[in-house]
Amino acid sequence: MKWLVLAAALCFPTGAMAQTCNGQISPEFAKQFADNWIAAWNSHDLARILEHYADDLEMYAPGIITVAGEPGGRLQGKAKVAAFGRRL
């Protein structure tokens, strides 16, 4: 599960940030976002973790080939990533 979130973390901007970000974020926003993300991660609640990502996030990982049966090792969309995460 850790590599799932690490891979997803590279898929910025998040839905919320994409709507409001002009390329820079304030230190206050960064701290609040990080605190919220850490709390979501520690809750072990996949839906809560995925709230931090855009609906069209893409995830690449070797495990996707074997677990999800996707030969390219790529998932696109929050729903597919969530389904994959539930299988782990």
Protein backbone atom coordinates (compact mmCIF):
# COMPACT_ATOMS: atom_id res chain seq x y z
CA MET A 1 0.00 0.00 0.00
CA LYS A 2 2.88 2.39 0.71
CA TRP A 3 4.12 2.36 -2.88
CA LEU A 4 0.55 2.93 -4.08
CA VAL A 5 0.37 6.21 -2.25
CA LEU A 6 3.92 7.17 -3.15
CA ALA A 7 3.15 6.64 -6.81
CA ALA A 8 -0.08 8.61 -6.52
CA ALA A 9 1.71 11.41 -4.69
CA LEU A 10 3.66 12.11 -7.85
CA CYS A 11 0.44 12.87 -9.75
CA PHE A 12 -0.04 16.48 -8.65
CA PRO A 13 -1.88 18.78 -8.89
CA THR A 14 -4.75 17.59 -6.79
CA GLY A 15 -8.30 18.45 -7.68
CA ALA A 16 -8.43 21.25 -5.11
CA MET A 17 -5.03 22.65 -6.02
CA ALA A 18 -5.69 22.53 -9.76
CA GLN A 19 -8.67 24.84 -9.34
CA THR A 20 -6.93 27.41 -7.18
CA CYS A 21 -3.19 27.18 -7.78
CA ASN A 22 -1.33 29.68 -9.98
CA GLY A 23 1.91 27.72 -9.77
CA GLN A 24 2.80 28.72 -6.23
CA ILE A 25 1.32 27.79 -2.88
CA SER A 26 1.70 29.47 0.44
CA PRO A 27 3.60 27.84 3.29
CA GLU A 28 0.34 27.79 5.26
CA PHE A 29 -1.48 25.92 2.48
CA ALA A 30 1.43 23.48 2.10
CA LYS A 31 1.43 22.71 5.84
CA GLN A 32 -2.34 22.30 5.97
CA PHE A 33 -2.30 20.05 2.90
CA ALA A 34 0.55 17.95 4.32
CA ASP A 35 -1.15 17.64 7.72
CA ASN A 36 -4.41 16.58 6.06
CA TRP A 37 -2.64 14.09 3.80
CA ILE A 38 -0.71 12.55 6.72
CA ALA A 39 -3.91 12.25 8.76
CA ALA A 40 -5.63 10.56 5.81
CA TRP A 41 -2.71 8.16 5.34
CA ASN A 42 -2.64 7.30 9.04
CA SER A 43 -6.38 6.63 8.98
CA HIS A 44 -5.79 3.78 6.47
CA ASP A 45 -8.91 5.03 4.65
CA LEU A 46 -8.26 4.78 0.92
CA ALA A 47 -11.18 7.05 -0.01
CA ARG A 48 -9.89 9.73 2.36
CA ILE A 49 -6.38 9.46 0.91
CA LEU A 50 -7.65 9.70 -2.67
CA GLU A 51 -9.57 12.90 -1.85
CA HIS A 52 -6.20 14.62 -2.21
CA TYR A 53 -5.89 13.71 -5.90
CA ALA A 54 -7.55 14.77 -9.13
CA ASP A 55 -10.15 12.44 -10.65
CA ASP A 56 -7.92 11.82 -13.66
CA LEU A 57 -4.82 10.80 -11.71
CA GLU A 58 -2.51 8.28 -13.34
CA MET A 59 -0.58 5.64 -11.49
CA TYR A 60 2.29 3.55 -12.80
CA ALA A 61 3.65 0.57 -10.85
CA PRO A 62 4.98 -2.91 -11.63
CA GLY A 63 2.37 -4.46 -9.32
CA ILE A 64 -0.42 -3.18 -11.55
CA ILE A 65 0.67 -5.67 -14.20
CA THR A 66 0.13 -8.68 -11.95
CA VAL A 67 -2.55 -7.49 -9.54
CA ALA A 68 -4.77 -5.49 -11.91
CA GLY A 69 -3.91 -7.37 -15.09
CA GLU A 70 -2.93 -4.16 -16.92
CA PRO A 71 0.00 -5.07 -19.20
CA GLY A 72 1.32 -1.50 -19.33
CA GLY A 73 1.44 -1.20 -15.54
CA ARG A 74 -0.71 1.94 -15.73
CA LEU A 75 -4.05 2.90 -14.20
CA GLN A 76 -5.90 6.07 -15.13
CA GLY A 77 -8.64 7.53 -12.99
CA LYS A 78 -9.37 7.63 -9.31
CA ALA A 79 -11.94 4.82 -9.54
CA LYS A 80 -9.43 2.38 -11.07
CA VAL A 81 -6.73 3.33 -8.55
CA ALA A 82 -9.23 2.86 -5.69
CA ALA A 83 -10.26 -0.58 -7.00
CA PHE A 84 -6.60 -1.54 -7.29
CA GLY A 85 -5.88 -0.30 -3.76
CA ARG A 86 -8.73 -2.35 -2.33
CA ARG A 87 -7.19 -5.50 -3.83
CA LEU A 88 -3.89 -5.02 -1.99
